[in-house]
Amino acid sequence: MGRPPAKPLSPSARSPSLDRGLLPSLMGYALRRTQSAVFADFAATFAKAGEALTPGEFGLLVLVDRNEGLSQIALARALGIDRSTLVPILDRLQARDLLVRRPSPTDGRTHALALTPAGEVALARFCKLVRAHEKRIAAGLSTAETRTLIELLGKVRAAARPL
């Protein structure tokens, strides 16, 4: 989540004659290739606007914004990441004055997360960029197809639970 998206390969680095064997028929392979392309577009969208943010950081900010007083533990669970992975991300976002950790009013052992006023302004700007990015990556799909794709991906995610 804290790692910047991979940069797309240059046309000369892509080899159309490369034999990919069974890879193109694998759902996981197609999902990973698609994720790489989507994350690259996300990064380019933000870079063009002079912003630096990863998709994971955006999701984190949205969850903090929409869930007042969210604890770090609950956020890590919601994102599906380990708390030790979450802490450096929170540190970076806090250093950028986008969010703050406060002692929880209900549990002195935890922190409640909140966006700073600057974080609220930035998130509004980030949402506009994400909407433009989403519109671009879904340009080849109808609204109904986009909804169906999201539903199907949810089914795949549900079926791909750890053994």
N, C-alpha and C. Protein backbone atom coordinates (compact mmCIF):
# COMPACT_ATOMS: atom_id res chain seq x y z
N MET A 1 0.81 -1.18 0.00
CA MET A 1 0.00 0.00 0.00
C MET A 1 0.85 1.24 0.00
N GLY A 2 1.94 1.27 0.70
CA GLY A 2 2.78 2.44 0.76
C GLY A 2 3.76 2.54 -0.38
N ARG A 3 3.86 1.49 -1.19
CA ARG A 3 4.81 1.47 -2.29
C ARG A 3 4.19 2.15 -3.49
N PRO A 4 4.97 3.02 -4.18
CA PRO A 4 4.41 3.68 -5.36
C PRO A 4 4.10 2.66 -6.45
N PRO A 5 3.11 2.94 -7.27
CA PRO A 5 2.76 2.02 -8.34
C PRO A 5 3.92 1.84 -9.31
N ALA A 6 3.97 0.66 -9.92
CA ALA A 6 5.01 0.37 -10.89
C ALA A 6 4.84 1.28 -12.11
N LYS A 7 5.94 1.66 -12.71
CA LYS A 7 5.89 2.47 -13.92
C LYS A 7 5.59 1.55 -15.10
N PRO A 8 4.79 2.02 -16.06
CA PRO A 8 4.48 1.18 -17.21
C PRO A 8 5.73 0.95 -18.05
N LEU A 9 5.76 -0.21 -18.68
CA LEU A 9 6.89 -0.54 -19.53
C LEU A 9 6.85 0.30 -20.80
N SER A 10 8.01 0.63 -21.31
CA SER A 10 8.07 1.34 -22.58
C SER A 10 7.65 0.38 -23.68
N PRO A 11 7.22 0.91 -24.82
CA PRO A 11 6.79 0.02 -25.91
C PRO A 11 7.89 -0.97 -26.31
N SER A 12 9.15 -0.55 -26.26
CA SER A 12 10.22 -1.47 -26.65
C SER A 12 10.43 -2.57 -25.62
N ALA A 13 10.03 -2.33 -24.36
CA ALA A 13 10.20 -3.35 -23.32
C ALA A 13 9.08 -4.38 -23.36
N ARG A 14 7.93 -4.03 -23.98
CA ARG A 14 6.83 -4.99 -24.13
C ARG A 14 7.13 -5.83 -25.36
N SER A 15 7.00 -7.12 -25.23
CA SER A 15 7.31 -8.00 -26.34
C SER A 15 6.05 -8.72 -26.80
N PRO A 16 5.42 -8.23 -27.88
CA PRO A 16 4.20 -8.88 -28.35
C PRO A 16 4.44 -10.31 -28.80
N SER A 17 5.67 -10.64 -29.16
CA SER A 17 5.94 -11.99 -29.62
C SER A 17 6.30 -12.93 -28.48
N LEU A 18 6.34 -12.42 -27.28
CA LEU A 18 6.66 -13.23 -26.12
C LEU A 18 5.57 -14.27 -25.90
N ASP A 19 5.97 -15.54 -25.79
CA ASP A 19 5.01 -16.62 -25.53
C ASP A 19 4.70 -16.62 -24.04
N ARG A 20 3.49 -16.27 -23.70
CA ARG A 20 3.09 -16.19 -22.30
C ARG A 20 2.47 -17.49 -21.79
N GLY A 21 2.46 -18.51 -22.62
CA GLY A 21 1.96 -19.81 -22.18
C GLY A 21 0.53 -19.71 -21.69
N LEU A 22 0.26 -20.30 -20.54
CA LEU A 22 -1.10 -20.30 -20.00
C LEU A 22 -1.45 -19.02 -19.26
N LEU A 23 -0.47 -18.13 -19.08
CA LEU A 23 -0.71 -16.92 -18.29
C LEU A 23 -1.94 -16.11 -18.73
N PRO A 24 -2.12 -15.83 -20.02
CA PRO A 24 -3.28 -15.02 -20.42
C PRO A 24 -4.63 -15.65 -20.07
N SER A 25 -4.67 -16.95 -19.83
CA SER A 25 -5.94 -17.60 -19.48
C SER A 25 -6.18 -17.61 -17.97
N LEU A 26 -5.23 -17.09 -17.19
CA LEU A 26 -5.37 -17.09 -15.73
C LEU A 26 -5.98 -15.78 -15.24
N MET A 27 -7.03 -15.91 -14.45
CA MET A 27 -7.69 -14.72 -13.91
C MET A 27 -6.73 -13.88 -13.07
N GLY A 28 -5.93 -14.52 -12.24
CA GLY A 28 -4.98 -13.78 -11.39
C GLY A 28 -3.99 -12.98 -12.22
N TYR A 29 -3.52 -13.57 -13.31
CA TYR A 29 -2.58 -12.87 -14.18
C TYR A 29 -3.25 -11.64 -14.82
N ALA A 30 -4.48 -11.83 -15.30
CA ALA A 30 -5.21 -10.72 -15.92
C ALA A 30 -5.49 -9.62 -14.89
N LEU A 31 -5.85 -10.01 -13.68
CA LEU A 31 -6.10 -9.02 -12.63
C LEU A 31 -4.84 -8.24 -12.30
N ARG A 32 -3.73 -8.93 -12.18
CA ARG A 32 -2.47 -8.26 -11.83
C ARG A 32 -2.02 -7.30 -12.93
N ARG A 33 -2.14 -7.73 -14.19
CA ARG A 33 -1.78 -6.84 -15.30
C ARG A 33 -2.69 -5.61 -15.32
N THR A 34 -3.97 -5.84 -15.07
CA THR A 34 -4.92 -4.73 -15.03
C THR A 34 -4.62 -3.81 -13.87
N GLN A 35 -4.33 -4.38 -12.70
CA GLN A 35 -3.99 -3.56 -11.54
C GLN A 35 -2.77 -2.69 -11.84
N SER A 36 -1.77 -3.25 -12.47
CA SER A 36 -0.57 -2.47 -12.80
C SER A 36 -0.91 -1.30 -13.71
N ALA A 37 -1.74 -1.55 -14.72
CA ALA A 37 -2.12 -0.49 -15.65
C ALA A 37 -2.96 0.58 -14.94
N VAL A 38 -3.89 0.16 -14.09
CA VAL A 38 -4.75 1.10 -13.38
C VAL A 38 -3.92 1.94 -12.40
N PHE A 39 -3.00 1.30 -11.67
CA PHE A 39 -2.16 2.04 -10.73
C PHE A 39 -1.23 3.01 -11.46
N ALA A 40 -0.74 2.63 -12.63
CA ALA A 40 0.11 3.52 -13.41
C ALA A 40 -0.68 4.75 -13.86
N ASP A 41 -1.93 4.54 -14.27
CA ASP A 41 -2.77 5.66 -14.67
C ASP A 41 -3.07 6.56 -13.47
N PHE A 42 -3.33 5.96 -12.31
CA PHE A 42 -3.56 6.71 -11.08
C PHE A 42 -2.34 7.59 -10.78
N ALA A 43 -1.16 7.00 -10.82
CA ALA A 43 0.07 7.74 -10.53
C ALA A 43 0.28 8.87 -11.53
N ALA A 44 0.02 8.62 -12.80
CA ALA A 44 0.18 9.65 -13.82
C ALA A 44 -0.82 10.78 -13.62
N THR A 45 -2.05 10.44 -13.24
CA THR A 45 -3.08 11.45 -12.98
C THR A 45 -2.63 12.38 -11.86
N PHE A 46 -2.13 11.79 -10.77
CA PHE A 46 -1.72 12.59 -9.63
C PHE A 46 -0.44 13.37 -9.94
N ALA A 47 0.49 12.75 -10.64
CA ALA A 47 1.74 13.44 -10.98
C ALA A 47 1.46 14.65 -11.87
N LYS A 48 0.56 14.49 -12.84
CA LYS A 48 0.22 15.59 -13.74
C LYS A 48 -0.38 16.77 -12.96
N ALA A 49 -1.07 16.46 -11.85
CA ALA A 49 -1.67 17.50 -11.02
C ALA A 49 -0.71 18.00 -9.95
N GLY A 50 0.53 17.49 -9.96
CA GLY A 50 1.51 17.92 -8.98
C GLY A 50 1.29 17.33 -7.60
N GLU A 51 0.60 16.20 -7.54
CA GLU A 51 0.30 15.53 -6.28
C GLU A 51 1.04 14.20 -6.21
N ALA A 52 1.31 13.76 -5.00
CA ALA A 52 1.93 12.45 -4.79
C ALA A 52 1.06 11.68 -3.81
N LEU A 53 0.41 10.65 -4.31
CA LEU A 53 -0.46 9.83 -3.48
C LEU A 53 -0.61 8.47 -4.15
N THR A 54 -0.64 7.42 -3.36
CA THR A 54 -0.88 6.08 -3.90
C THR A 54 -2.36 5.74 -3.79
N PRO A 55 -2.84 4.76 -4.55
CA PRO A 55 -4.23 4.33 -4.39
C PRO A 55 -4.54 3.90 -2.95
N GLY A 56 -3.61 3.22 -2.32
CA GLY A 56 -3.82 2.79 -0.94
C GLY A 56 -3.94 3.95 0.02
N GLU A 57 -3.12 4.97 -0.18
CA GLU A 57 -3.20 6.15 0.68
C GLU A 57 -4.53 6.87 0.48
N PHE A 58 -4.98 6.93 -0.77
CA PHE A 58 -6.28 7.54 -1.04
C PHE A 58 -7.38 6.78 -0.31
N GLY A 59 -7.38 5.46 -0.42
CA GLY A 59 -8.39 4.66 0.27
C GLY A 59 -8.35 4.86 1.76
N LEU A 60 -7.17 4.94 2.32
CA LEU A 60 -7.00 5.18 3.75
C LEU A 60 -7.62 6.51 4.15
N LEU A 61 -7.34 7.56 3.39
CA LEU A 61 -7.88 8.88 3.71
C LEU A 61 -9.41 8.89 3.62
N VAL A 62 -9.97 8.20 2.65
CA VAL A 62 -11.43 8.12 2.53
C VAL A 62 -12.01 7.41 3.75
N LEU A 63 -11.41 6.30 4.16
CA LEU A 63 -11.92 5.57 5.32
C LEU A 63 -11.84 6.41 6.59
N VAL A 64 -10.75 7.12 6.77
CA VAL A 64 -10.62 7.98 7.96
C VAL A 64 -11.66 9.09 7.91
N ASP A 65 -11.85 9.68 6.74
CA ASP A 65 -12.83 10.75 6.59
C ASP A 65 -14.24 10.27 6.89
N ARG A 66 -14.58 9.10 6.41
CA ARG A 66 -15.96 8.60 6.52
C ARG A 66 -16.27 7.90 7.84
N ASN A 67 -15.25 7.66 8.67
CA ASN A 67 -15.42 6.91 9.92
C ASN A 67 -14.73 7.65 11.05
N GLU A 68 -15.41 8.65 11.56
CA GLU A 68 -14.84 9.51 12.59
C GLU A 68 -14.34 8.71 13.78
N GLY A 69 -13.11 9.00 14.20
CA GLY A 69 -12.53 8.35 15.38
C GLY A 69 -12.07 6.93 15.12
N LEU A 70 -11.93 6.54 13.86
CA LEU A 70 -11.49 5.19 13.51
C LEU A 70 -10.15 4.89 14.18
N SER A 71 -10.02 3.70 14.75
CA SER A 71 -8.75 3.33 15.39
C SER A 71 -7.79 2.77 14.35
N GLN A 72 -6.52 2.80 14.67
CA GLN A 72 -5.50 2.24 13.77
C GLN A 72 -5.75 0.76 13.55
N ILE A 73 -6.17 0.04 14.59
CA ILE A 73 -6.43 -1.40 14.46
C ILE A 73 -7.58 -1.65 13.50
N ALA A 74 -8.67 -0.90 13.67
CA ALA A 74 -9.82 -1.06 12.78
C ALA A 74 -9.47 -0.68 11.35
N LEU A 75 -8.65 0.34 11.19
CA LEU A 75 -8.24 0.76 9.84
C LEU A 75 -7.38 -0.32 9.19
N ALA A 76 -6.44 -0.87 9.92
CA ALA A 76 -5.59 -1.94 9.37
C ALA A 76 -6.45 -3.12 8.93
N ARG A 77 -7.43 -3.48 9.75
CA ARG A 77 -8.33 -4.59 9.39
C ARG A 77 -9.12 -4.26 8.12
N ALA A 78 -9.65 -3.04 8.05
CA ALA A 78 -10.46 -2.63 6.90
C ALA A 78 -9.63 -2.64 5.61
N LEU A 79 -8.36 -2.30 5.73
CA LEU A 79 -7.48 -2.26 4.55
C LEU A 79 -6.86 -3.62 4.25
N GLY A 80 -6.98 -4.55 5.19
CA GLY A 80 -6.41 -5.88 5.00
C GLY A 80 -4.89 -5.88 5.08
N ILE A 81 -4.34 -5.01 5.94
CA ILE A 81 -2.90 -4.96 6.10
C ILE A 81 -2.53 -5.08 7.57
N ASP A 82 -1.27 -5.40 7.82
CA ASP A 82 -0.75 -5.52 9.16
C ASP A 82 -0.55 -4.13 9.77
N ARG A 83 -0.72 -4.05 11.10
CA ARG A 83 -0.52 -2.75 11.76
C ARG A 83 0.89 -2.22 11.53
N SER A 84 1.88 -3.11 11.48
CA SER A 84 3.26 -2.65 11.27
C SER A 84 3.45 -2.04 9.88
N THR A 85 2.63 -2.45 8.93
CA THR A 85 2.65 -1.85 7.59
C THR A 85 1.93 -0.50 7.60
N LEU A 86 0.89 -0.41 8.41
CA LEU A 86 0.08 0.80 8.45
C LEU A 86 0.81 1.98 9.09
N VAL A 87 1.58 1.73 10.13
CA VAL A 87 2.20 2.82 10.90
C VAL A 87 3.05 3.75 10.03
N PRO A 88 3.96 3.24 9.17
CA PRO A 88 4.75 4.17 8.36
C PRO A 88 3.89 4.99 7.37
N ILE A 89 2.80 4.40 6.91
CA ILE A 89 1.90 5.13 6.01
C ILE A 89 1.24 6.28 6.78
N LEU A 90 0.76 5.98 7.97
CA LEU A 90 0.17 7.03 8.80
C LEU A 90 1.20 8.11 9.13
N ASP A 91 2.43 7.68 9.41
CA ASP A 91 3.50 8.65 9.69
C ASP A 91 3.70 9.61 8.52
N ARG A 92 3.72 9.06 7.29
CA ARG A 92 3.91 9.90 6.10
C ARG A 92 2.75 10.88 5.93
N LEU A 93 1.53 10.38 6.08
CA LEU A 93 0.36 11.24 5.90
C LEU A 93 0.26 12.29 7.01
N GLN A 94 0.68 11.93 8.20
CA GLN A 94 0.68 12.89 9.30
C GLN A 94 1.76 13.95 9.07
N ALA A 95 2.91 13.55 8.56
CA ALA A 95 3.99 14.50 8.27
C ALA A 95 3.57 15.49 7.18
N ARG A 96 2.65 15.06 6.31
CA ARG A 96 2.13 15.94 5.25
C ARG A 96 0.93 16.77 5.75
N ASP A 97 0.62 16.66 7.03
CA ASP A 97 -0.49 17.38 7.66
C ASP A 97 -1.84 17.02 7.04
N LEU A 98 -1.98 15.73 6.65
CA LEU A 98 -3.25 15.28 6.09
C LEU A 98 -4.12 14.60 7.13
N LEU A 99 -3.50 13.99 8.14
CA LEU A 99 -4.27 13.37 9.20
C LEU A 99 -3.56 13.53 10.53
N VAL A 100 -4.31 13.24 11.59
CA VAL A 100 -3.78 13.36 12.94
C VAL A 100 -4.24 12.15 13.74
N ARG A 101 -3.40 11.76 14.69
CA ARG A 101 -3.75 10.71 15.64
C ARG A 101 -4.02 11.39 16.98
N ARG A 102 -5.15 11.06 17.55
CA ARG A 102 -5.50 11.61 18.87
C ARG A 102 -5.78 10.44 19.81
N PRO A 103 -5.56 10.64 21.09
CA PRO A 103 -5.95 9.57 22.02
C PRO A 103 -7.45 9.28 21.88
N SER A 104 -7.80 8.03 21.86
CA SER A 104 -9.21 7.65 21.75
C SER A 104 -9.96 8.08 23.00
N PRO A 105 -11.13 8.67 22.83
CA PRO A 105 -11.91 9.07 24.01
C PRO A 105 -12.49 7.88 24.77
N THR A 106 -12.55 6.72 24.11
CA THR A 106 -13.15 5.54 24.74
C THR A 106 -12.14 4.50 25.17
N ASP A 107 -10.92 4.55 24.62
CA ASP A 107 -9.90 3.55 24.96
C ASP A 107 -8.53 4.21 24.95
N GLY A 108 -7.98 4.44 26.11
CA GLY A 108 -6.71 5.13 26.23
C GLY A 108 -5.53 4.40 25.62
N ARG A 109 -5.72 3.14 25.24
CA ARG A 109 -4.62 2.37 24.63
C ARG A 109 -4.54 2.55 23.12
N THR A 110 -5.54 3.19 22.54
CA THR A 110 -5.57 3.32 21.08
C THR A 110 -5.63 4.79 20.67
N HIS A 111 -5.40 5.00 19.38
CA HIS A 111 -5.50 6.33 18.80
C HIS A 111 -6.72 6.40 17.90
N ALA A 112 -7.39 7.53 17.92
CA ALA A 112 -8.47 7.81 17.00
C ALA A 112 -7.89 8.65 15.86
N LEU A 113 -8.21 8.28 14.65
CA LEU A 113 -7.67 8.98 13.48
C LEU A 113 -8.68 10.00 12.95
N ALA A 114 -8.17 11.09 12.45
CA ALA A 114 -9.02 12.13 11.86
C ALA A 114 -8.22 12.88 10.81
N LEU A 115 -8.92 13.40 9.82
CA LEU A 115 -8.27 14.27 8.85
C LEU A 115 -8.06 15.64 9.49
N THR A 116 -6.98 16.27 9.12
CA THR A 116 -6.76 17.66 9.53
C THR A 116 -7.60 18.54 8.61
N PRO A 117 -7.77 19.81 8.93
CA PRO A 117 -8.46 20.69 7.98
C PRO A 117 -7.77 20.68 6.60
N ALA A 118 -6.43 20.67 6.60
CA ALA A 118 -5.71 20.60 5.31
C ALA A 118 -5.98 19.26 4.63
N GLY A 119 -6.12 18.21 5.41
CA GLY A 119 -6.43 16.89 4.86
C GLY A 119 -7.80 16.84 4.22
N GLU A 120 -8.77 17.54 4.82
CA GLU A 120 -10.11 17.59 4.25
C GLU A 120 -10.10 18.31 2.90
N VAL A 121 -9.37 19.41 2.83
CA VAL A 121 -9.26 20.16 1.57
C VAL A 121 -8.55 19.31 0.52
N ALA A 122 -7.45 18.66 0.93
CA ALA A 122 -6.69 17.82 0.00
C ALA A 122 -7.54 16.65 -0.49
N LEU A 123 -8.31 16.03 0.41
CA LEU A 123 -9.13 14.89 0.01
C LEU A 123 -10.17 15.31 -1.03
N ALA A 124 -10.74 16.46 -0.88
CA ALA A 124 -11.70 16.94 -1.89
C ALA A 124 -11.02 17.06 -3.26
N ARG A 125 -9.79 17.58 -3.26
CA ARG A 125 -9.02 17.70 -4.50
C ARG A 125 -8.68 16.30 -5.04
N PHE A 126 -8.26 15.41 -4.15
CA PHE A 126 -7.92 14.04 -4.56
C PHE A 126 -9.13 13.32 -5.16
N CYS A 127 -10.31 13.54 -4.58
CA CYS A 127 -11.53 12.89 -5.10
C CYS A 127 -11.81 13.31 -6.53
N LYS A 128 -11.60 14.58 -6.84
CA LYS A 128 -11.79 15.05 -8.22
C LYS A 128 -10.82 14.34 -9.17
N LEU A 129 -9.57 14.21 -8.74
CA LEU A 129 -8.58 13.52 -9.57
C LEU A 129 -8.95 12.06 -9.75
N VAL A 130 -9.41 11.41 -8.70
CA VAL A 130 -9.78 10.00 -8.78
C VAL A 130 -10.99 9.81 -9.69
N ARG A 131 -11.94 10.72 -9.61
CA ARG A 131 -13.10 10.61 -10.50
C ARG A 131 -12.68 10.72 -11.98
N ALA A 132 -11.75 11.62 -12.27
CA ALA A 132 -11.25 11.75 -13.65
C ALA A 132 -10.51 10.48 -14.07
N HIS A 133 -9.71 9.95 -13.16
CA HIS A 133 -8.97 8.71 -13.42
C HIS A 133 -9.95 7.56 -13.68
N GLU A 134 -10.97 7.42 -12.83
CA GLU A 134 -11.96 6.35 -12.98
C GLU A 134 -12.71 6.48 -14.31
N LYS A 135 -13.05 7.70 -14.66
CA LYS A 135 -13.76 7.92 -15.93
C LYS A 135 -12.89 7.47 -17.11
N ARG A 136 -11.61 7.78 -17.03
CA ARG A 136 -10.69 7.42 -18.12
C ARG A 136 -10.52 5.91 -18.22
N ILE A 137 -10.30 5.23 -17.09
CA ILE A 137 -10.04 3.79 -17.17
C ILE A 137 -11.29 2.98 -17.51
N ALA A 138 -12.47 3.57 -17.27
CA ALA A 138 -13.72 2.88 -17.59
C ALA A 138 -14.32 3.36 -18.92
N ALA A 139 -13.55 4.12 -19.68
CA ALA A 139 -14.07 4.72 -20.91
C ALA A 139 -14.61 3.69 -21.89
N GLY A 140 -14.07 2.50 -21.90
CA GLY A 140 -14.53 1.47 -22.83
C GLY A 140 -15.71 0.66 -22.32
N LEU A 141 -16.23 1.02 -21.16
CA LEU A 141 -17.34 0.27 -20.55
C LEU A 141 -18.56 1.17 -20.38
N SER A 142 -19.73 0.58 -20.49
CA SER A 142 -20.95 1.32 -20.16
C SER A 142 -21.06 1.40 -18.64
N THR A 143 -21.99 2.22 -18.17
CA THR A 143 -22.23 2.31 -16.73
C THR A 143 -22.64 0.95 -16.17
N ALA A 144 -23.51 0.25 -16.89
CA ALA A 144 -23.95 -1.08 -16.44
C ALA A 144 -22.77 -2.06 -16.42
N GLU A 145 -21.92 -2.01 -17.43
CA GLU A 145 -20.75 -2.90 -17.47
C GLU A 145 -19.80 -2.60 -16.31
N THR A 146 -19.63 -1.34 -15.99
CA THR A 146 -18.77 -0.96 -14.86
C THR A 146 -19.33 -1.54 -13.57
N ARG A 147 -20.64 -1.38 -13.35
CA ARG A 147 -21.27 -1.95 -12.15
C ARG A 147 -21.11 -3.47 -12.12
N THR A 148 -21.32 -4.12 -13.25
CA THR A 148 -21.18 -5.58 -13.33
C THR A 148 -19.75 -6.00 -13.03
N LEU A 149 -18.78 -5.30 -13.59
CA LEU A 149 -17.38 -5.64 -13.34
C LEU A 149 -17.07 -5.53 -11.85
N ILE A 150 -17.52 -4.48 -11.20
CA ILE A 150 -17.27 -4.30 -9.77
C ILE A 150 -17.92 -5.43 -8.98
N GLU A 151 -19.15 -5.81 -9.35
CA GLU A 151 -19.83 -6.94 -8.69
C GLU A 151 -19.06 -8.24 -8.89
N LEU A 152 -18.62 -8.49 -10.11
CA LEU A 152 -17.87 -9.73 -10.40
C LEU A 152 -16.55 -9.77 -9.64
N LEU A 153 -15.86 -8.64 -9.58
CA LEU A 153 -14.60 -8.60 -8.83
C LEU A 153 -14.85 -8.87 -7.34
N GLY A 154 -15.97 -8.39 -6.82
CA GLY A 154 -16.33 -8.69 -5.43
C GLY A 154 -16.52 -10.19 -5.22
N LYS A 155 -17.13 -10.85 -6.19
CA LYS A 155 -17.31 -12.31 -6.09
C LYS A 155 -15.97 -13.04 -6.14
N VAL A 156 -15.08 -12.58 -7.00
CA VAL A 156 -13.76 -13.20 -7.08
C VAL A 156 -13.02 -13.01 -5.75
N ARG A 157 -13.07 -11.78 -5.22
CA ARG A 157 -12.41 -11.49 -3.94
C ARG A 157 -12.95 -12.38 -2.83
N ALA A 158 -14.27 -12.54 -2.78
CA ALA A 158 -14.89 -13.37 -1.75
C ALA A 158 -14.46 -14.84 -1.87
N ALA A 159 -14.33 -15.32 -3.10
CA ALA A 159 -13.94 -16.71 -3.32
C ALA A 159 -12.45 -16.96 -3.08
N ALA A 160 -11.66 -15.90 -3.13
CA ALA A 160 -10.20 -16.03 -3.02
C ALA A 160 -9.72 -15.87 -1.59
N ARG A 161 -10.54 -16.23 -0.64
CA ARG A 161 -10.12 -16.12 0.77
C ARG A 161 -9.01 -17.12 1.05
N PRO A 162 -8.15 -16.79 2.01
CA PRO A 162 -7.03 -17.69 2.33
C PRO A 162 -7.51 -19.05 2.81
N LEU A 163 -6.72 -20.07 2.48
CA LEU A 163 -7.06 -21.44 2.92
C LEU A 163 -6.83 -21.63 4.39
